[in-house]
């Protein structure tokens, strides 16, 4: 059975994926732009400010309630960065990640826009 902690981690991961590449869903559901843009803005804000997503303290509280150790830092640092980078997360790395989120989303939005324009013409 899935624990509440695991569910929160899964939701957190899905949110991060949605922030990074959720713009691709606009091809099928253009109305998602009103959810995606605020999600991207939040993700970029968290990365550039060096902040921690509110889901991180919730995850830690659930870990403590389950008798596990809490972790320090944020979700990206604890779950994703060890996969991508061997060193600890720093504000500089967070700002690079925030910049990558912006660039990836600009590229996706440009691509989606071009495809939608072709569909409207053709």
PDB file of N, CA and C in Angstrom:
ATOM      1  N   UNK A   1       0.843  -1.183   0.000  1.00  0.00           N
ATOM      2  CA  UNK A   1       0.000   0.000   0.000  1.00  0.00           C
ATOM      3  C   UNK A   1       0.890   1.248   0.000  1.00  0.00           C
ATOM      4  N   UNK A   2       0.496   2.249  -0.761  1.00  0.00           N
ATOM      5  CA  UNK A   2       1.284   3.473  -0.866  1.00  0.00           C
ATOM      6  C   UNK A   2       1.053   4.350   0.370  1.00  0.00           C
ATOM      7  N   UNK A   3       2.147   4.871   0.906  1.00  0.00           N
ATOM      8  CA  UNK A   3       2.048   5.727   2.083  1.00  0.00           C
ATOM      9  C   UNK A   3       1.695   7.148   1.657  1.00  0.00           C
ATOM     10  N   UNK A   4       1.220   7.934   2.618  1.00  0.00           N
ATOM     11  CA  UNK A   4       0.908   9.340   2.353  1.00  0.00           C
ATOM     12  C   UNK A   4       2.162  10.073   1.910  1.00  0.00           C
ATOM     13  N   UNK A   5       3.289   9.748   2.550  1.00  0.00           N
ATOM     14  CA  UNK A   5       4.558  10.374   2.166  1.00  0.00           C
ATOM     15  C   UNK A   5       4.881  10.077   0.713  1.00  0.00           C
ATOM     16  N   UNK A   6       4.756   8.822   0.312  1.00  0.00           N
ATOM     17  CA  UNK A   6       5.046   8.449  -1.072  1.00  0.00           C
ATOM     18  C   UNK A   6       4.112   9.166  -2.044  1.00  0.00           C
ATOM     19  N   UNK A   7       2.862   9.321  -1.649  1.00  0.00           N
ATOM     20  CA  UNK A   7       1.899  10.022  -2.488  1.00  0.00           C
ATOM     21  C   UNK A   7       2.296  11.494  -2.655  1.00  0.00           C
ATOM     22  N   UNK A   8       2.703  12.138  -1.573  1.00  0.00           N
ATOM     23  CA  UNK A   8       3.132  13.539  -1.645  1.00  0.00           C
ATOM     24  C   UNK A   8       4.373  13.663  -2.516  1.00  0.00           C
ATOM     25  N   UNK A   9       5.318  12.736  -2.367  1.00  0.00           N
ATOM     26  CA  UNK A   9       6.523  12.754  -3.198  1.00  0.00           C
ATOM     27  C   UNK A   9       6.143  12.585  -4.671  1.00  0.00           C
ATOM     28  N   UNK A  10       5.221  11.681  -4.958  1.00  0.00           N
ATOM     29  CA  UNK A  10       4.793  11.455  -6.342  1.00  0.00           C
ATOM     30  C   UNK A  10       4.128  12.711  -6.913  1.00  0.00           C
ATOM     31  N   UNK A  11       3.267  13.349  -6.131  1.00  0.00           N
ATOM     32  CA  UNK A  11       2.616  14.586  -6.574  1.00  0.00           C
ATOM     33  C   UNK A  11       3.665  15.672  -6.806  1.00  0.00           C
ATOM     34  N   UNK A  12       4.627  15.755  -5.898  1.00  0.00           N
ATOM     35  CA  UNK A  12       5.698  16.745  -6.016  1.00  0.00           C
ATOM     36  C   UNK A  12       6.489  16.516  -7.306  1.00  0.00           C
ATOM     37  N   UNK A  13       6.836  15.282  -7.561  1.00  0.00           N
ATOM     38  CA  UNK A  13       7.583  14.941  -8.779  1.00  0.00           C
ATOM     39  C   UNK A  13       6.758  15.261 -10.022  1.00  0.00           C
ATOM     40  N   UNK A  14       5.484  14.914 -10.011  1.00  0.00           N
ATOM     41  CA  UNK A  14       4.626  15.228 -11.152  1.00  0.00           C
ATOM     42  C   UNK A  14       4.526  16.731 -11.372  1.00  0.00           C
ATOM     43  N   UNK A  15       4.486  17.499 -10.283  1.00  0.00           N
ATOM     44  CA  UNK A  15       4.448  18.954 -10.408  1.00  0.00           C
ATOM     45  C   UNK A  15       5.735  19.461 -11.062  1.00  0.00           C
ATOM     46  N   UNK A  16       6.873  18.940 -10.634  1.00  0.00           N
ATOM     47  CA  UNK A  16       8.155  19.357 -11.220  1.00  0.00           C
ATOM     48  C   UNK A  16       8.173  19.018 -12.714  1.00  0.00           C
ATOM     49  N   UNK A  17       7.726  17.839 -13.078  1.00  0.00           N
ATOM     50  CA  UNK A  17       7.679  17.450 -14.491  1.00  0.00           C
ATOM     51  C   UNK A  17       6.728  18.370 -15.253  1.00  0.00           C
ATOM     52  N   UNK A  18       5.575  18.678 -14.658  1.00  0.00           N
ATOM     53  CA  UNK A  18       4.608  19.582 -15.289  1.00  0.00           C
ATOM     54  C   UNK A  18       5.225  20.955 -15.512  1.00  0.00           C
ATOM     55  N   UNK A  19       5.975  21.451 -14.531  1.00  0.00           N
ATOM     56  CA  UNK A  19       6.630  22.755 -14.669  1.00  0.00           C
ATOM     57  C   UNK A  19       7.613  22.730 -15.827  1.00  0.00           C
ATOM     58  N   UNK A  20       8.402  21.677 -15.923  1.00  0.00           N
ATOM     59  CA  UNK A  20       9.473  21.635 -16.921  1.00  0.00           C
ATOM     60  C   UNK A  20       8.936  21.366 -18.326  1.00  0.00           C
ATOM     61  N   UNK A  21       8.072  20.379 -18.493  1.00  0.00           N
ATOM     62  CA  UNK A  21       7.646  20.007 -19.849  1.00  0.00           C
ATOM     63  C   UNK A  21       6.133  19.983 -20.032  1.00  0.00           C
ATOM     64  N   UNK A  22       5.406  20.511 -19.084  1.00  0.00           N
ATOM     65  CA  UNK A  22       3.950  20.521 -19.180  1.00  0.00           C
ATOM     66  C   UNK A  22       3.412  21.308 -20.355  1.00  0.00           C
ATOM     67  N   UNK A  23       4.221  22.214 -20.889  1.00  0.00           N
ATOM     68  CA  UNK A  23       3.793  22.972 -22.060  1.00  0.00           C
ATOM     69  C   UNK A  23       3.450  22.084 -23.246  1.00  0.00           C
ATOM     70  N   UNK A  24       4.006  20.898 -23.284  1.00  0.00           N
ATOM     71  CA  UNK A  24       3.685  19.957 -24.369  1.00  0.00           C
ATOM     72  C   UNK A  24       2.209  19.562 -24.345  1.00  0.00           C
ATOM     73  N   UNK A  25       1.600  19.588 -23.175  1.00  0.00           N
ATOM     74  CA  UNK A  25       0.186  19.241 -23.056  1.00  0.00           C
ATOM     75  C   UNK A  25      -0.721  20.263 -23.730  1.00  0.00           C
ATOM     76  N   UNK A  26      -0.176  21.443 -24.020  1.00  0.00           N
ATOM     77  CA  UNK A  26      -0.969  22.496 -24.657  1.00  0.00           C
ATOM     78  C   UNK A  26      -1.363  22.127 -26.090  1.00  0.00           C
ATOM     79  N   UNK A  27      -0.626  21.207 -26.689  1.00  0.00           N
ATOM     80  CA  UNK A  27      -1.011  20.744 -28.019  1.00  0.00           C
ATOM     81  C   UNK A  27      -2.394  20.099 -27.989  1.00  0.00           C
ATOM     82  N   UNK A  28      -2.656  19.369 -26.947  1.00  0.00           N
ATOM     83  CA  UNK A  28      -3.939  18.658 -26.813  1.00  0.00           C
ATOM     84  C   UNK A  28      -4.968  19.482 -26.046  1.00  0.00           C
ATOM     85  N   UNK A  29      -4.518  20.173 -24.990  1.00  0.00           N
ATOM     86  CA  UNK A  29      -5.415  20.935 -24.125  1.00  0.00           C
ATOM     87  C   UNK A  29      -4.898  22.367 -23.973  1.00  0.00           C
ATOM     88  N   UNK A  30      -5.187  23.244 -24.932  1.00  0.00           N
ATOM     89  CA  UNK A  30      -4.650  24.613 -24.887  1.00  0.00           C
ATOM     90  C   UNK A  30      -5.054  25.384 -23.626  1.00  0.00           C
ATOM     91  N   UNK A  31      -6.188  25.056 -23.050  1.00  0.00           N
ATOM     92  CA  UNK A  31      -6.640  25.754 -21.845  1.00  0.00           C
ATOM     93  C   UNK A  31      -5.748  25.529 -20.639  1.00  0.00           C
ATOM     94  N   UNK A  32      -4.903  24.512 -20.701  1.00  0.00           N
ATOM     95  CA  UNK A  32      -3.972  24.255 -19.588  1.00  0.00           C
ATOM     96  C   UNK A  32      -2.940  25.362 -19.410  1.00  0.00           C
ATOM     97  N   UNK A  33      -2.859  26.264 -20.384  1.00  0.00           N
ATOM     98  CA  UNK A  33      -1.901  27.357 -20.268  1.00  0.00           C
ATOM     99  C   UNK A  33      -2.140  28.141 -18.977  1.00  0.00           C
ATOM    100  N   UNK A  34      -3.414  28.222 -18.541  1.00  0.00           N
ATOM    101  CA  UNK A  34      -3.758  28.993 -17.335  1.00  0.00           C
ATOM    102  C   UNK A  34      -3.335  28.273 -16.064  1.00  0.00           C
ATOM    103  N   UNK A  35      -3.034  27.009 -16.140  1.00  0.00           N
ATOM    104  CA  UNK A  35      -2.440  26.276 -15.012  1.00  0.00           C
ATOM    105  C   UNK A  35      -0.925  26.196 -15.150  1.00  0.00           C
ATOM    106  N   UNK A  36      -0.474  26.034 -16.396  1.00  0.00           N
ATOM    107  CA  UNK A  36       0.944  25.825 -16.614  1.00  0.00           C
ATOM    108  C   UNK A  36       1.763  27.083 -16.344  1.00  0.00           C
ATOM    109  N   UNK A  37       1.327  28.224 -16.851  1.00  0.00           N
ATOM    110  CA  UNK A  37       2.107  29.450 -16.646  1.00  0.00           C
ATOM    111  C   UNK A  37       2.305  29.789 -15.173  1.00  0.00           C
ATOM    112  N   UNK A  38       1.259  29.717 -14.329  1.00  0.00           N
ATOM    113  CA  UNK A  38       1.505  29.964 -12.898  1.00  0.00           C
ATOM    114  C   UNK A  38       2.421  28.903 -12.270  1.00  0.00           C
ATOM    115  N   UNK A  39       2.318  27.658 -12.728  1.00  0.00           N
ATOM    116  CA  UNK A  39       3.187  26.608 -12.196  1.00  0.00           C
ATOM    117  C   UNK A  39       4.643  26.900 -12.554  1.00  0.00           C
ATOM    118  N   UNK A  40       4.876  27.323 -13.798  1.00  0.00           N
ATOM    119  CA  UNK A  40       6.233  27.677 -14.220  1.00  0.00           C
ATOM    120  C   UNK A  40       6.734  28.870 -13.408  1.00  0.00           C
ATOM    121  N   UNK A  41       5.867  29.876 -13.240  1.00  0.00           N
ATOM    122  CA  UNK A  41       6.267  31.058 -12.466  1.00  0.00           C
ATOM    123  C   UNK A  41       6.643  30.667 -11.039  1.00  0.00           C
ATOM    124  N   UNK A  42       5.867  29.778 -10.433  1.00  0.00           N
ATOM    125  CA  UNK A  42       6.166  29.319  -9.073  1.00  0.00           C
ATOM    126  C   UNK A  42       7.493  28.569  -9.041  1.00  0.00           C
ATOM    127  N   UNK A  43       7.688  27.649  -9.978  1.00  0.00           N
ATOM    128  CA  UNK A  43       8.931  26.877 -10.012  1.00  0.00           C
ATOM    129  C   UNK A  43      10.144  27.763 -10.207  1.00  0.00           C
ATOM    130  N   UNK A  44      10.049  28.724 -11.101  1.00  0.00           N
ATOM    131  CA  UNK A  44      11.160  29.643 -11.339  1.00  0.00           C
ATOM    132  C   UNK A  44      11.398  30.512 -10.096  1.00  0.00           C
ATOM    133  N   UNK A  45      10.321  30.986  -9.479  1.00  0.00           N
ATOM    134  CA  UNK A  45      10.466  31.787  -8.259  1.00  0.00           C
ATOM    135  C   UNK A  45      11.195  31.005  -7.170  1.00  0.00           C
ATOM    136  N   UNK A  46      10.795  29.763  -6.948  1.00  0.00           N
ATOM    137  CA  UNK A  46      11.430  28.938  -5.918  1.00  0.00           C
ATOM    138  C   UNK A  46      12.910  28.762  -6.226  1.00  0.00           C
ATOM    139  N   UNK A  47      13.249  28.490  -7.478  1.00  0.00           N
ATOM    140  CA  UNK A  47      14.650  28.278  -7.838  1.00  0.00           C
ATOM    141  C   UNK A  47      15.472  29.555  -7.710  1.00  0.00           C
ATOM    142  N   UNK A  48      14.957  30.675  -8.216  1.00  0.00           N
ATOM    143  CA  UNK A  48      15.731  31.917  -8.171  1.00  0.00           C
ATOM    144  C   UNK A  48      15.834  32.499  -6.769  1.00  0.00           C
ATOM    145  N   UNK A  49      14.823  32.270  -5.947  1.00  0.00           N
ATOM    146  CA  UNK A  49      14.847  32.827  -4.592  1.00  0.00           C
ATOM    147  C   UNK A  49      15.620  31.934  -3.624  1.00  0.00           C
ATOM    148  N   UNK A  50      15.916  30.702  -4.037  1.00  0.00           N
ATOM    149  CA  UNK A  50      16.572  29.765  -3.131  1.00  0.00           C
ATOM    150  C   UNK A  50      15.597  29.216  -2.103  1.00  0.00           C
ATOM    151  N   UNK A  51      14.328  29.377  -2.374  1.00  0.00           N
ATOM    152  CA  UNK A  51      13.295  28.937  -1.436  1.00  0.00           C
ATOM    153  C   UNK A  51      13.058  27.445  -1.484  1.00  0.00           C
ATOM    154  N   UNK A  52      12.136  27.028  -0.650  1.00  0.00           N
ATOM    155  CA  UNK A  52      11.757  25.620  -0.569  1.00  0.00           C
ATOM    156  C   UNK A  52      10.255  25.532  -0.800  1.00  0.00           C
ATOM    157  N   UNK A  53       9.860  24.631  -1.658  1.00  0.00           N
ATOM    158  CA  UNK A  53       8.440  24.418  -1.940  1.00  0.00           C
ATOM    159  C   UNK A  53       7.725  23.988  -0.661  1.00  0.00           C
ATOM    160  N   UNK A  54       6.491  24.445  -0.456  1.00  0.00           N
ATOM    161  CA  UNK A  54       5.738  24.042   0.747  1.00  0.00           C
ATOM    162  C   UNK A  54       5.510  22.538   0.874  1.00  0.00           C
ATOM    163  N   UNK A  55       5.632  21.806  -0.218  1.00  0.00           N
ATOM    164  CA  UNK A  55       5.467  20.355  -0.122  1.00  0.00           C
ATOM    165  C   UNK A  55       6.635  19.700   0.617  1.00  0.00           C
ATOM    166  N   UNK A  56       7.797  20.345   0.616  1.00  0.00           N
ATOM    167  CA  UNK A  56       8.967  19.764   1.280  1.00  0.00           C
ATOM    168  C   UNK A  56       8.755  19.631   2.784  1.00  0.00           C
ATOM    169  N   UNK A  57       8.323  20.677   3.501  1.00  0.00           N
ATOM    170  CA  UNK A  57       8.058  20.489   4.935  1.00  0.00           C
ATOM    171  C   UNK A  57       6.970  19.445   5.197  1.00  0.00           C
ATOM    172  N   UNK A  58       5.960  19.386   4.317  1.00  0.00           N
ATOM    173  CA  UNK A  58       4.923  18.360   4.469  1.00  0.00           C
ATOM    174  C   UNK A  58       5.533  16.969   4.331  1.00  0.00           C
ATOM    175  N   UNK A  59       6.396  16.787   3.337  1.00  0.00           N
ATOM    176  CA  UNK A  59       7.069  15.495   3.171  1.00  0.00           C
ATOM    177  C   UNK A  59       7.876  15.142   4.416  1.00  0.00           C
ATOM    178  N   UNK A  60       8.608  16.110   4.936  1.00  0.00           N
ATOM    179  CA  UNK A  60       9.420  15.850   6.129  1.00  0.00           C
ATOM    180  C   UNK A  60       8.552  15.503   7.334  1.00  0.00           C
ATOM    181  N   UNK A  61       7.438  16.205   7.497  1.00  0.00           N
ATOM    182  CA  UNK A  61       6.538  15.900   8.617  1.00  0.00           C
ATOM    183  C   UNK A  61       6.006  14.479   8.490  1.00  0.00           C
ATOM    184  N   UNK A  62       5.622  14.091   7.298  1.00  0.00           N
ATOM    185  CA  UNK A  62       5.118  12.732   7.084  1.00  0.00           C
ATOM    186  C   UNK A  62       6.209  11.692   7.307  1.00  0.00           C
ATOM    187  N   UNK A  63       7.441  12.018   6.922  1.00  0.00           N
ATOM    188  CA  UNK A  63       8.564  11.100   7.180  1.00  0.00           C
ATOM    189  C   UNK A  63       8.766  10.920   8.683  1.00  0.00           C
ATOM    190  N   UNK A  64       8.720  12.029   9.424  1.00  0.00           N
ATOM    191  CA  UNK A  64       8.899  11.948  10.882  1.00  0.00           C
ATOM    192  C   UNK A  64       7.780  11.133  11.529  1.00  0.00           C
ATOM    193  N   UNK A  65       6.552  11.352  11.066  1.00  0.00           N
ATOM    194  CA  UNK A  65       5.414  10.598  11.611  1.00  0.00           C
ATOM    195  C   UNK A  65       5.534   9.107  11.309  1.00  0.00           C
ATOM    196  N   UNK A  66       6.216   8.764  10.227  1.00  0.00           N
ATOM    197  CA  UNK A  66       6.402   7.353   9.864  1.00  0.00           C
ATOM    198  C   UNK A  66       7.649   6.756  10.514  1.00  0.00           C
ATOM    199  N   UNK A  67       8.327   7.556  11.371  1.00  0.00           N
ATOM    200  CA  UNK A  67       9.514   7.058  12.051  1.00  0.00           C
ATOM    201  C   UNK A  67      10.776   7.139  11.223  1.00  0.00           C
ATOM    202  N   UNK A  68      10.737   7.904  10.136  1.00  0.00           N
ATOM    203  CA  UNK A  68      11.904   8.072   9.281  1.00  0.00           C
ATOM    204  C   UNK A  68      12.568   9.407   9.603  1.00  0.00           C
ATOM    205  N   UNK A  69      13.764   9.596   9.095  1.00  0.00           N
ATOM    206  CA  UNK A  69      14.467  10.863   9.275  1.00  0.00           C
ATOM    207  C   UNK A  69      13.977  11.876   8.257  1.00  0.00           C
ATOM    208  N   UNK A  70      13.871  13.123   8.694  1.00  0.00           N
ATOM    209  CA  UNK A  70      13.574  14.213   7.767  1.00  0.00           C
ATOM    210  C   UNK A  70      14.842  14.503   6.974  1.00  0.00           C
ATOM    211  N   UNK A  71      14.694  15.170   5.856  1.00  0.00           N
ATOM    212  CA  UNK A  71      15.859  15.563   5.082  1.00  0.00           C
ATOM    213  C   UNK A  71      15.970  17.078   5.067  1.00  0.00           C
ATOM    214  N   UNK A  72      17.182  17.551   4.853  1.00  0.00           N
ATOM    215  CA  UNK A  72      17.379  18.999   4.781  1.00  0.00           C
ATOM    216  C   UNK A  72      17.343  19.428   3.329  1.00  0.00           C
ATOM    217  N   UNK A  73      17.136  20.696   3.108  1.00  0.00           N
ATOM    218  CA  UNK A  73      17.072  21.213   1.748  1.00  0.00           C
ATOM    219  C   UNK A  73      15.710  20.988   1.151  1.00  0.00           C
ATOM    220  N   UNK A  74      15.640  21.086  -0.161  1.00  0.00           N
ATOM    221  CA  UNK A  74      14.371  20.974  -0.860  1.00  0.00           C
ATOM    222  C   UNK A  74      14.227  19.676  -1.621  1.00  0.00           C
ATOM    223  N   UNK A  75      13.068  19.534  -2.235  1.00  0.00           N
ATOM    224  CA  UNK A  75      12.729  18.345  -3.010  1.00  0.00           C
ATOM    225  C   UNK A  75      13.747  18.104  -4.119  1.00  0.00           C
ATOM    226  N   UNK A  76      14.054  19.164  -4.872  1.00  0.00           N
ATOM    227  CA  UNK A  76      14.995  19.029  -5.986  1.00  0.00           C
ATOM    228  C   UNK A  76      16.343  18.554  -5.459  1.00  0.00           C
ATOM    229  N   UNK A  77      16.784  19.152  -4.357  1.00  0.00           N
ATOM    230  CA  UNK A  77      18.075  18.783  -3.780  1.00  0.00           C
ATOM    231  C   UNK A  77      18.072  17.342  -3.283  1.00  0.00           C
ATOM    232  N   UNK A  78      16.994  16.928  -2.630  1.00  0.00           N
ATOM    233  CA  UNK A  78      16.962  15.604  -2.011  1.00  0.00           C
ATOM    234  C   UNK A  78      16.719  14.476  -3.016  1.00  0.00           C
ATOM    235  N   UNK A  79      15.777  14.674  -3.938  1.00  0.00           N
ATOM    236  CA  UNK A  79      15.390  13.586  -4.829  1.00  0.00           C
ATOM    237  C   UNK A  79      15.994  13.671  -6.225  1.00  0.00           C
ATOM    238  N   UNK A  80      16.051  14.878  -6.789  1.00  0.00           N
ATOM    239  CA  UNK A  80      16.456  14.996  -8.183  1.00  0.00           C
ATOM    240  C   UNK A  80      17.929  15.314  -8.368  1.00  0.00           C
ATOM    241  N   UNK A  81      18.466  16.202  -7.547  1.00  0.00           N
ATOM    242  CA  UNK A  81      19.852  16.611  -7.743  1.00  0.00           C
ATOM    243  C   UNK A  81      20.845  15.474  -7.579  1.00  0.00           C
ATOM    244  N   UNK A  82      20.645  14.551  -6.647  1.00  0.00           N
ATOM    245  CA  UNK A  82      21.601  13.437  -6.569  1.00  0.00           C
ATOM    246  C   UNK A  82      21.684  12.636  -7.875  1.00  0.00           C
ATOM    247  N   UNK A  83      20.616  12.644  -8.632  1.00  0.00           N
ATOM    248  CA  UNK A  83      20.625  11.963  -9.921  1.00  0.00           C
ATOM    249  C   UNK A  83      21.438  12.776 -10.930  1.00  0.00           C
ATOM    250  N   UNK A  84      21.286  14.106 -10.870  1.00  0.00           N
ATOM    251  CA  UNK A  84      21.912  14.975 -11.867  1.00  0.00           C
ATOM    252  C   UNK A  84      23.305  15.448 -11.467  1.00  0.00           C
ATOM    253  N   UNK A  85      23.483  15.751 -10.190  1.00  0.00           N
ATOM    254  CA  UNK A  85      24.730  16.355  -9.718  1.00  0.00           C
ATOM    255  C   UNK A  85      25.196  15.663  -8.440  1.00  0.00           C
ATOM    256  N   UNK A  86      26.475  15.403  -8.311  1.00  0.00           N
ATOM    257  CA  UNK A  86      26.958  14.770  -7.086  1.00  0.00           C
ATOM    258  C   UNK A  86      27.107  15.741  -5.913  1.00  0.00           C
ATOM    259  N   UNK A  87      27.217  17.038  -6.173  1.00  0.00           N
ATOM    260  CA  UNK A  87      27.448  18.016  -5.110  1.00  0.00           C
ATOM    261  C   UNK A  87      26.130  18.508  -4.520  1.00  0.00           C
ATOM    262  N   UNK A  88      26.229  19.247  -3.423  1.00  0.00           N
ATOM    263  CA  UNK A  88      25.046  19.810  -2.787  1.00  0.00           C
ATOM    264  C   UNK A  88      24.461  20.932  -3.632  1.00  0.00           C
ATOM    265  N   UNK A  89      23.183  21.159  -3.450  1.00  0.00           N
ATOM    266  CA  UNK A  89      22.487  22.230  -4.151  1.00  0.00           C
ATOM    267  C   UNK A  89      22.906  23.575  -3.582  1.00  0.00           C
ATOM    268  N   UNK A  90      23.268  24.492  -4.454  1.00  0.00           N
ATOM    269  CA  UNK A  90      23.603  25.846  -4.041  1.00  0.00           C
ATOM    270  C   UNK A  90      22.649  26.802  -4.750  1.00  0.00           C
ATOM    271  N   UNK A  91      22.620  28.040  -4.302  1.00  0.00           N
ATOM    272  CA  UNK A  91      21.772  29.031  -4.954  1.00  0.00           C
ATOM    273  C   UNK A  91      22.163  29.186  -6.418  1.00  0.00           C
ATOM    274  N   UNK A  92      23.455  29.134  -6.705  1.00  0.00           N
ATOM    275  CA  UNK A  92      23.897  29.232  -8.101  1.00  0.00           C
ATOM    276  C   UNK A  92      23.320  28.094  -8.947  1.00  0.00           C
ATOM    277  N   UNK A  93      23.351  26.886  -8.421  1.00  0.00           N
ATOM    278  CA  UNK A  93      22.796  25.740  -9.156  1.00  0.00           C
ATOM    279  C   UNK A  93      21.297  25.922  -9.314  1.00  0.00           C
ATOM    280  N   UNK A  94      20.617  26.380  -8.250  1.00  0.00           N
ATOM    281  CA  UNK A  94      19.175  26.609  -8.343  1.00  0.00           C
ATOM    282  C   UNK A  94      18.868  27.636  -9.428  1.00  0.00           C
ATOM    283  N   UNK A  95      19.672  28.675  -9.521  1.00  0.00           N
ATOM    284  CA  UNK A  95      19.422  29.706 -10.526  1.00  0.00           C
ATOM    285  C   UNK A  95      19.673  29.169 -11.933  1.00  0.00           C
ATOM    286  N   UNK A  96      20.639  28.297 -12.084  1.00  0.00           N
ATOM    287  CA  UNK A  96      20.852  27.644 -13.380  1.00  0.00           C
ATOM    288  C   UNK A  96      19.638  26.778 -13.714  1.00  0.00           C
ATOM    289  N   UNK A  97      19.141  26.022 -12.733  1.00  0.00           N
ATOM    290  CA  UNK A  97      17.951  25.197 -12.965  1.00  0.00           C
ATOM    291  C   UNK A  97      16.755  26.067 -13.316  1.00  0.00           C
ATOM    292  N   UNK A  98      16.588  27.191 -12.631  1.00  0.00           N
ATOM    293  CA  UNK A  98      15.500  28.114 -12.945  1.00  0.00           C
ATOM    294  C   UNK A  98      15.618  28.653 -14.357  1.00  0.00           C
ATOM    295  N   UNK A  99      16.823  28.985 -14.778  1.00  0.00           N
ATOM    296  CA  UNK A  99      17.059  29.466 -16.142  1.00  0.00           C
ATOM    297  C   UNK A  99      16.735  28.366 -17.157  1.00  0.00           C
ATOM    298  N   UNK A 100      17.121  27.135 -16.848  1.00  0.00           N
ATOM    299  CA  UNK A 100      16.800  26.016 -17.741  1.00  0.00           C
ATOM    300  C   UNK A 100      15.294  25.824 -17.865  1.00  0.00           C
ATOM    301  N   UNK A 101      14.563  25.973 -16.760  1.00  0.00           N
ATOM    302  CA  UNK A 101      13.103  25.864 -16.807  1.00  0.00           C
ATOM    303  C   UNK A 101      12.539  26.921 -17.756  1.00  0.00           C
ATOM    304  N   UNK A 102      13.044  28.139 -17.656  1.00  0.00           N
ATOM    305  CA  UNK A 102      12.576  29.209 -18.536  1.00  0.00           C
ATOM    306  C   UNK A 102      12.891  28.873 -19.997  1.00  0.00           C
ATOM    307  N   UNK A 103      14.125  28.493 -20.275  1.00  0.00           N
ATOM    308  CA  UNK A 103      14.534  28.214 -21.657  1.00  0.00           C
ATOM    309  C   UNK A 103      13.783  27.028 -22.256  1.00  0.00           C
ATOM    310  N   UNK A 104      13.642  25.962 -21.488  1.00  0.00           N
ATOM    311  CA  UNK A 104      12.906  24.789 -21.979  1.00  0.00           C
ATOM    312  C   UNK A 104      11.471  25.177 -22.293  1.00  0.00           C
ATOM    313  N   UNK A 105      10.854  25.940 -21.394  1.00  0.00           N
ATOM    314  CA  UNK A 105       9.461  26.319 -21.625  1.00  0.00           C
ATOM    315  C   UNK A 105       9.305  27.303 -22.772  1.00  0.00           C
ATOM    316  N   UNK A 106      10.240  28.215 -22.944  1.00  0.00           N
ATOM    317  CA  UNK A 106      10.180  29.108 -24.111  1.00  0.00           C
ATOM    318  C   UNK A 106      10.263  28.303 -25.399  1.00  0.00           C
ATOM    319  N   UNK A 107      11.153  27.319 -25.436  1.00  0.00           N
ATOM    320  CA  UNK A 107      11.280  26.471 -26.626  1.00  0.00           C
ATOM    321  C   UNK A 107       9.999  25.670 -26.864  1.00  0.00           C
ATOM    322  N   UNK A 108       9.436  25.104 -25.815  1.00  0.00           N
ATOM    323  CA  UNK A 108       8.205  24.317 -25.958  1.00  0.00           C
ATOM    324  C   UNK A 108       7.064  25.208 -26.427  1.00  0.00           C
ATOM    325  N   UNK A 109       6.924  26.377 -25.823  1.00  0.00           N
ATOM    326  CA  UNK A 109       5.835  27.273 -26.213  1.00  0.00           C
ATOM    327  C   UNK A 109       5.988  27.730 -27.657  1.00  0.00           C
ATOM    328  N   UNK A 110       7.205  28.008 -28.096  1.00  0.00           N
ATOM    329  CA  UNK A 110       7.434  28.398 -29.488  1.00  0.00           C
ATOM    330  C   UNK A 110       7.052  27.257 -30.429  1.00  0.00           C
ATOM    331  N   UNK A 111       7.435  26.046 -30.062  1.00  0.00           N
ATOM    332  CA  UNK A 111       7.121  24.870 -30.874  1.00  0.00           C
ATOM    333  C   UNK A 111       5.608  24.643 -30.931  1.00  0.00           C
ATOM    334  N   UNK A 112       4.941  24.705 -29.777  1.00  0.00           N
ATOM    335  CA  UNK A 112       3.485  24.525 -29.723  1.00  0.00           C
ATOM    336  C   UNK A 112       2.798  25.609 -30.554  1.00  0.00           C
ATOM    337  N   UNK A 113       3.274  26.829 -30.452  1.00  0.00           N
ATOM    338  CA  UNK A 113       2.687  27.933 -31.206  1.00  0.00           C
ATOM    339  C   UNK A 113       2.790  27.678 -32.713  1.00  0.00           C
ATOM    340  N   UNK A 114       3.976  27.253 -33.163  1.00  0.00           N
ATOM    341  CA  UNK A 114       4.161  26.978 -34.594  1.00  0.00           C
ATOM    342  C   UNK A 114       3.233  25.858 -35.067  1.00  0.00           C
ATOM    343  N   UNK A 115       3.115  24.812 -34.295  1.00  0.00           N
ATOM    344  CA  UNK A 115       2.237  23.691 -34.677  1.00  0.00           C
ATOM    345  C   UNK A 115       0.790  24.152 -34.724  1.00  0.00           C
ATOM    346  N   UNK A 116       0.364  24.903 -33.738  1.00  0.00           N
ATOM    347  CA  UNK A 116      -1.026  25.381 -33.714  1.00  0.00           C
ATOM    348  C   UNK A 116      -1.283  26.326 -34.883  1.00  0.00           C
ATOM    349  N   UNK A 117      -0.319  27.145 -35.248  1.00  0.00           N
ATOM    350  CA  UNK A 117      -0.487  28.045 -36.393  1.00  0.00           C
ATOM    351  C   UNK A 117      -0.629  27.234 -37.686  1.00  0.00           C
ATOM    352  N   UNK A 118       0.183  26.200 -37.845  1.00  0.00           N
ATOM    353  CA  UNK A 118       0.084  25.344 -39.040  1.00  0.00           C
ATOM    354  C   UNK A 118      -1.263  24.666 -39.117  1.00  0.00           C
ATOM    355  N   UNK A 119      -1.765  24.197 -37.976  1.00  0.00           N
ATOM    356  CA  UNK A 119      -3.082  23.525 -37.954  1.00  0.00           C
ATOM    357  C   UNK A 119      -4.190  24.487 -38.340  1.00  0.00           C
ATOM    358  N   UNK A 120      -4.081  25.721 -37.898  1.00  0.00           N
ATOM    359  CA  UNK A 120      -5.113  26.702 -38.205  1.00  0.00           C
ATOM    360  C   UNK A 120      -5.100  27.084 -39.692  1.00  0.00           C
ATOM    361  N   UNK A 121      -3.926  27.095 -40.293  1.00  0.00           N
ATOM    362  CA  UNK A 121      -3.793  27.443 -41.714  1.00  0.00           C
ATOM    363  C   UNK A 121      -4.213  26.283 -42.623  1.00  0.00           C
ATOM    364  N   UNK A 122      -3.914  25.085 -42.146  1.00  0.00           N
ATOM    365  CA  UNK A 122      -4.078  23.913 -43.015  1.00  0.00           C
ATOM    366  C   UNK A 122      -5.337  23.225 -42.826  1.00  0.00           C
TER     367      UNK A 122
END
